[in-house]
Amino acid sequence: MTPGAVHRQTAERVRSAMVAAMRADPDRLNAGLLSCGGLDRPETDFVREARVLVLALAAALTTVLRGRGPYGDDLCLGCGIPDCRTVRAVGEALAAYQVSPVQLDRTEARIRSRE
């Protein structure tokens, strides 16, 4: 896979995680936790914080993936090269955990086409 393809695929996977977290309703998550017995405190704390953690990490990764070269090519904002080992490693980690791009509904596709 070319460096540009790796970069785009990694960015799509990060965006997918962010969209999934943004779609989750924190009030409904909390209500579900309250109605669900049998979870210990560490598990409930993790689920309560997971949405914010995903949003924060995805936002941080998006910042790094937002780099563009002088010819419009994708590059890592941290190191400034198109074939970044870190971007490749992040992409591999996301693939290992089977994070894949979400299927867009019409409304979201329209919003993205305007960006």
Protein backbone atom coordinates (compact mmCIF):
# COMPACT_ATOMS: atom_id res chain seq x y z
CA MET A 1 0.00 0.00 0.00
CA THR A 2 1.34 3.44 -0.86
CA PRO A 3 2.15 5.91 1.94
CA GLY A 4 -0.76 8.12 0.83
CA ALA A 5 -3.18 5.18 0.93
CA VAL A 6 -1.97 4.20 4.42
CA HIS A 7 -2.39 7.79 5.58
CA ARG A 8 -5.92 8.09 4.16
CA GLN A 9 -6.99 4.71 5.53
CA THR A 10 -5.61 5.55 8.98
CA ALA A 11 -7.36 8.93 8.95
CA GLU A 12 -10.66 7.25 7.98
CA ARG A 13 -10.31 4.74 10.81
CA VAL A 14 -9.58 7.49 13.34
CA ARG A 15 -12.54 9.50 12.04
CA SER A 16 -14.70 6.37 12.33
CA ALA A 17 -13.83 5.97 16.01
CA MET A 18 -14.54 9.65 16.61
CA VAL A 19 -17.91 9.51 14.84
CA ALA A 20 -18.93 6.42 16.83
CA ALA A 21 -18.04 8.16 20.09
CA MET A 22 -19.85 11.36 19.07
CA ARG A 23 -22.98 9.37 18.21
CA ALA A 24 -23.05 7.72 21.64
CA ASP A 25 -25.35 9.52 24.08
CA PRO A 26 -23.54 9.92 27.43
CA ASP A 27 -26.83 10.16 29.35
CA ARG A 28 -28.06 6.88 27.88
CA LEU A 29 -24.70 5.26 28.60
CA ASN A 30 -24.95 6.34 32.24
CA ALA A 31 -28.56 5.17 32.46
CA GLY A 32 -27.54 1.81 31.02
CA LEU A 33 -24.75 1.50 33.57
CA LEU A 34 -27.14 2.24 36.42
CA SER A 35 -29.65 -0.35 35.26
CA CYS A 36 -26.96 -2.96 34.60
CA GLY A 37 -26.00 -4.75 37.77
CA GLY A 38 -22.97 -6.92 38.22
CA LEU A 39 -20.30 -4.50 37.08
CA ASP A 40 -17.57 -3.52 39.48
CA ARG A 41 -16.53 0.10 40.00
CA PRO A 42 -13.47 -0.07 37.65
CA GLU A 43 -15.67 -1.32 34.80
CA THR A 44 -18.36 1.32 35.29
CA ASP A 45 -15.73 4.06 35.59
CA PHE A 46 -14.11 2.89 32.37
CA VAL A 47 -17.39 2.87 30.43
CA ARG A 48 -18.26 6.33 31.75
CA GLU A 49 -14.87 7.69 30.64
CA ALA A 50 -14.47 5.66 27.43
CA ARG A 51 -16.44 8.04 25.19
CA VAL A 52 -14.39 11.06 26.26
CA LEU A 53 -11.14 9.08 25.95
CA VAL A 54 -12.00 7.99 22.41
CA LEU A 55 -12.92 11.57 21.45
CA ALA A 56 -9.73 12.98 22.94
CA LEU A 57 -7.43 10.38 21.38
CA ALA A 58 -9.13 10.61 17.98
CA ALA A 59 -8.87 14.42 18.06
CA ALA A 60 -5.16 14.18 18.91
CA LEU A 61 -4.51 11.69 16.10
CA THR A 62 -6.53 13.77 13.65
CA THR A 63 -4.25 16.71 14.40
CA VAL A 64 -1.20 14.67 13.42
CA LEU A 65 -2.91 13.22 10.33
CA ARG A 66 -4.01 16.63 9.06
CA GLY A 67 -0.66 17.48 7.47
CA ARG A 68 -0.44 18.37 3.77
CA GLY A 69 2.64 18.73 1.63
CA PRO A 70 3.26 21.53 -0.89
CA TYR A 71 1.61 19.43 -3.64
CA GLY A 72 -1.41 18.44 -1.53
CA ASP A 73 -0.01 15.06 -0.57
CA ASP A 74 -0.82 13.64 2.87
CA LEU A 75 1.97 13.72 5.41
CA CYS A 76 2.49 13.41 9.14
CA LEU A 77 2.25 16.79 10.83
CA GLY A 78 4.74 15.61 13.48
CA CYS A 79 7.64 14.54 11.28
CA GLY A 80 6.64 16.11 7.97
CA ILE A 81 7.21 13.07 5.77
CA PRO A 82 4.62 11.18 3.71
CA ASP A 83 5.86 7.67 4.65
CA CYS A 84 5.74 8.12 8.43
CA ARG A 85 6.47 5.05 10.56
CA THR A 86 4.17 6.35 13.28
CA VAL A 87 1.19 6.77 10.92
CA ARG A 88 1.84 3.27 9.57
CA ALA A 89 2.03 1.84 13.12
CA VAL A 90 -1.20 3.60 14.16
CA GLY A 91 -2.89 2.21 11.06
CA GLU A 92 -1.67 -1.29 11.90
CA ALA A 93 -2.91 -0.99 15.49
CA LEU A 94 -6.34 0.17 14.34
CA ALA A 95 -6.50 -2.69 11.84
CA ALA A 96 -5.49 -5.19 14.54
CA TYR A 97 -8.40 -4.03 16.69
CA GLN A 98 -10.67 -4.13 13.63
CA VAL A 99 -11.49 -0.42 13.64
CA SER A 100 -12.95 0.18 10.23
CA PRO A 101 -14.58 3.18 8.58
CA VAL A 102 -18.26 3.62 9.44
CA GLN A 103 -20.91 3.39 6.81
CA LEU A 104 -22.17 6.90 6.10
CA ASP A 105 -25.83 7.73 5.99
CA ARG A 106 -27.04 10.29 3.47
CA THR A 107 -27.05 13.22 5.90
CA GLU A 108 -23.51 12.60 7.05
CA ALA A 109 -22.30 12.06 3.48
CA ARG A 110 -23.79 15.43 2.51
CA ILE A 111 -22.10 17.15 5.45
CA ARG A 112 -18.73 15.63 4.57
CA SER A 113 -19.05 16.57 0.92
CA ARG A 114 -19.31 20.23 1.98
CA GLU A 115 -16.12 20.09 4.09
